[in-house]
Amino acid sequence: MFNDNNFQANQAGVLYRHGDVLIRRIAGLPVAAQKRVGATLAHGELTGHSHRIQQSNTVQLWVHGSDLFLEVKEPSATLIHEEHRAIELPQGIYSVWKQREYRPDAYVEVMD
């Protein structure tokens, strides 16, 4: 039996939003990506809260320049934050970025 929800969750390009953090499923990591320690995707500058993976042993963070990537190595991982509903990310590789707002002189990351 074909389950359309599972099919979509396993495809590159699927986009997740968790507050001011956006996560997009991608086909693979950049060749020169380097491992990063931890399971925190973004820290809140104003509140001290953070967007993080609850089961830190199920993921690997990667960086390539200023870009952040998340590899979920188990069937799923839970993304949590004190002010947002938890979401489940299926196994795969994701590009992660913080939402920005436009100002006439620059793009600025949204302050949490």
C-alpha atoms as a PDB file:
ATOM      1  CA  MET A   1       0.000   0.000   0.000  1.00  0.00           C
ATOM      2  CA  PHE A   2       1.350   3.434  -0.961  1.00  0.00           C
ATOM      3  CA  ASN A   3       1.485   5.937   1.912  1.00  0.00           C
ATOM      4  CA  ASP A   4       1.720   9.440   0.436  1.00  0.00           C
ATOM      5  CA  ASN A   5       2.836  11.029   3.755  1.00  0.00           C
ATOM      6  CA  ASN A   6       5.824   8.688   4.108  1.00  0.00           C
ATOM      7  CA  PHE A   7       6.730   9.227   0.458  1.00  0.00           C
ATOM      8  CA  GLN A   8       6.794  13.019   0.876  1.00  0.00           C
ATOM      9  CA  ALA A   9       8.770  12.874   4.148  1.00  0.00           C
ATOM     10  CA  ASN A  10      11.563  10.913   2.440  1.00  0.00           C
ATOM     11  CA  GLN A  11      12.030  13.256  -0.517  1.00  0.00           C
ATOM     12  CA  ALA A  12      14.610  16.030  -0.942  1.00  0.00           C
ATOM     13  CA  GLY A  13      13.090  19.496  -0.779  1.00  0.00           C
ATOM     14  CA  VAL A  14      10.609  18.854   2.042  1.00  0.00           C
ATOM     15  CA  LEU A  15      10.604  21.957   4.255  1.00  0.00           C
ATOM     16  CA  TYR A  16      10.040  22.150   8.021  1.00  0.00           C
ATOM     17  CA  ARG A  17       9.600  25.315  10.081  1.00  0.00           C
ATOM     18  CA  HIS A  18      10.287  25.409  13.818  1.00  0.00           C
ATOM     19  CA  GLY A  19       9.809  28.991  14.984  1.00  0.00           C
ATOM     20  CA  ASP A  20      12.481  31.057  13.240  1.00  0.00           C
ATOM     21  CA  VAL A  21      14.453  27.987  12.126  1.00  0.00           C
ATOM     22  CA  LEU A  22      13.872  26.516   8.676  1.00  0.00           C
ATOM     23  CA  ILE A  23      14.973  22.997   7.791  1.00  0.00           C
ATOM     24  CA  ARG A  24      14.984  21.589   4.257  1.00  0.00           C
ATOM     25  CA  ARG A  25      15.621  17.978   3.320  1.00  0.00           C
ATOM     26  CA  ILE A  26      18.492  17.703   0.838  1.00  0.00           C
ATOM     27  CA  ALA A  27      19.981  14.877  -1.196  1.00  0.00           C
ATOM     28  CA  GLY A  28      23.451  14.978   0.389  1.00  0.00           C
ATOM     29  CA  LEU A  29      26.119  16.955   2.208  1.00  0.00           C
ATOM     30  CA  PRO A  30      28.561  19.292   0.450  1.00  0.00           C
ATOM     31  CA  VAL A  31      31.845  17.499  -0.248  1.00  0.00           C
ATOM     32  CA  ALA A  32      33.937  19.649   2.122  1.00  0.00           C
ATOM     33  CA  ALA A  33      31.453  19.697   5.039  1.00  0.00           C
ATOM     34  CA  GLN A  34      33.055  19.264   8.457  1.00  0.00           C
ATOM     35  CA  LYS A  35      31.605  17.666  11.594  1.00  0.00           C
ATOM     36  CA  ARG A  36      30.397  19.951  14.366  1.00  0.00           C
ATOM     37  CA  VAL A  37      29.905  18.876  17.972  1.00  0.00           C
ATOM     38  CA  GLY A  38      26.483  19.094  19.598  1.00  0.00           C
ATOM     39  CA  ALA A  39      22.812  18.922  18.680  1.00  0.00           C
ATOM     40  CA  THR A  40      21.777  22.602  18.927  1.00  0.00           C
ATOM     41  CA  LEU A  41      20.580  24.142  15.671  1.00  0.00           C
ATOM     42  CA  ALA A  42      20.104  27.707  16.962  1.00  0.00           C
ATOM     43  CA  HIS A  43      20.458  29.630  20.229  1.00  0.00           C
ATOM     44  CA  GLY A  44      17.965  32.298  21.281  1.00  0.00           C
ATOM     45  CA  GLU A  45      19.874  35.553  21.731  1.00  0.00           C
ATOM     46  CA  LEU A  46      17.142  37.196  23.803  1.00  0.00           C
ATOM     47  CA  THR A  47      15.535  34.288  25.673  1.00  0.00           C
ATOM     48  CA  GLY A  48      18.428  31.857  26.046  1.00  0.00           C
ATOM     49  CA  HIS A  49      16.184  29.113  24.640  1.00  0.00           C
ATOM     50  CA  SER A  50      17.486  26.907  21.861  1.00  0.00           C
ATOM     51  CA  HIS A  51      16.262  24.813  18.957  1.00  0.00           C
ATOM     52  CA  ARG A  52      17.872  21.435  19.592  1.00  0.00           C
ATOM     53  CA  ILE A  53      17.534  17.737  18.952  1.00  0.00           C
ATOM     54  CA  GLN A  54      16.266  15.966  22.050  1.00  0.00           C
ATOM     55  CA  GLN A  55      18.184  12.705  21.393  1.00  0.00           C
ATOM     56  CA  SER A  56      21.645  14.130  20.669  1.00  0.00           C
ATOM     57  CA  ASN A  57      23.117  10.695  19.914  1.00  0.00           C
ATOM     58  CA  THR A  58      20.785  10.259  16.906  1.00  0.00           C
ATOM     59  CA  VAL A  59      22.208  13.158  14.879  1.00  0.00           C
ATOM     60  CA  GLN A  60      25.379  14.689  13.501  1.00  0.00           C
ATOM     61  CA  LEU A  61      25.756  18.397  12.746  1.00  0.00           C
ATOM     62  CA  TRP A  62      27.909  19.525   9.830  1.00  0.00           C
ATOM     63  CA  VAL A  63      29.180  22.935   8.688  1.00  0.00           C
ATOM     64  CA  HIS A  64      30.333  24.133   5.310  1.00  0.00           C
ATOM     65  CA  GLY A  65      31.437  27.757   5.468  1.00  0.00           C
ATOM     66  CA  SER A  66      28.596  29.540   7.282  1.00  0.00           C
ATOM     67  CA  ASP A  67      26.017  26.886   6.308  1.00  0.00           C
ATOM     68  CA  LEU A  68      24.707  24.375   8.863  1.00  0.00           C
ATOM     69  CA  PHE A  69      23.547  20.856   8.046  1.00  0.00           C
ATOM     70  CA  LEU A  70      21.821  18.197  10.125  1.00  0.00           C
ATOM     71  CA  GLU A  71      22.135  14.457   9.565  1.00  0.00           C
ATOM     72  CA  VAL A  72      19.467  12.355  11.291  1.00  0.00           C
ATOM     73  CA  LYS A  73      21.082   8.922  11.563  1.00  0.00           C
ATOM     74  CA  GLU A  74      18.201   7.040  13.220  1.00  0.00           C
ATOM     75  CA  PRO A  75      14.623   6.521  11.921  1.00  0.00           C
ATOM     76  CA  SER A  76      13.672   9.895  13.461  1.00  0.00           C
ATOM     77  CA  ALA A  77      14.806  12.666  15.798  1.00  0.00           C
ATOM     78  CA  THR A  78      12.771  15.148  17.844  1.00  0.00           C
ATOM     79  CA  LEU A  79      13.409  18.875  17.419  1.00  0.00           C
ATOM     80  CA  ILE A  80      12.476  20.779  20.586  1.00  0.00           C
ATOM     81  CA  HIS A  81      12.300  24.371  21.871  1.00  0.00           C
ATOM     82  CA  GLU A  82      10.703  25.788  25.001  1.00  0.00           C
ATOM     83  CA  GLU A  83       8.195  27.917  23.042  1.00  0.00           C
ATOM     84  CA  HIS A  84       7.308  25.612  20.121  1.00  0.00           C
ATOM     85  CA  ARG A  85       5.643  22.268  19.630  1.00  0.00           C
ATOM     86  CA  ALA A  86       8.169  19.457  19.123  1.00  0.00           C
ATOM     87  CA  ILE A  87       8.460  18.073  15.598  1.00  0.00           C
ATOM     88  CA  GLU A  88       9.768  14.737  14.364  1.00  0.00           C
ATOM     89  CA  LEU A  89      12.342  14.753  11.580  1.00  0.00           C
ATOM     90  CA  PRO A  90      12.695  11.516   9.628  1.00  0.00           C
ATOM     91  CA  GLN A  91      16.094  10.003   8.892  1.00  0.00           C
ATOM     92  CA  GLY A  92      18.008  11.992   6.287  1.00  0.00           C
ATOM     93  CA  ILE A  93      20.142  15.042   5.638  1.00  0.00           C
ATOM     94  CA  TYR A  94      18.894  18.611   6.069  1.00  0.00           C
ATOM     95  CA  SER A  95      20.031  22.145   5.414  1.00  0.00           C
ATOM     96  CA  VAL A  96      19.331  24.403   8.417  1.00  0.00           C
ATOM     97  CA  TRP A  97      19.044  28.178   8.493  1.00  0.00           C
ATOM     98  CA  LYS A  98      17.612  30.898  10.686  1.00  0.00           C
ATOM     99  CA  GLN A  99      14.883  33.106   9.310  1.00  0.00           C
ATOM    100  CA  ARG A 100      16.049  36.574   8.293  1.00  0.00           C
ATOM    101  CA  GLU A 101      14.173  39.808   7.933  1.00  0.00           C
ATOM    102  CA  TYR A 102      14.801  42.417   5.296  1.00  0.00           C
ATOM    103  CA  ARG A 103      15.939  45.901   6.241  1.00  0.00           C
ATOM    104  CA  PRO A 104      16.838  48.454   3.588  1.00  0.00           C
ATOM    105  CA  ASP A 105      20.526  48.263   4.514  1.00  0.00           C
ATOM    106  CA  ALA A 106      20.856  44.500   5.126  1.00  0.00           C
ATOM    107  CA  TYR A 107      19.282  41.135   5.854  1.00  0.00           C
ATOM    108  CA  VAL A 108      19.249  40.464   9.599  1.00  0.00           C
ATOM    109  CA  GLU A 109      18.641  37.184  11.420  1.00  0.00           C
ATOM    110  CA  VAL A 110      15.439  37.202  13.448  1.00  0.00           C
ATOM    111  CA  MET A 111      16.170  37.552  17.191  1.00  0.00           C
ATOM    112  CA  ASP A 112      14.627  34.847  19.385  1.00  0.00           C
END
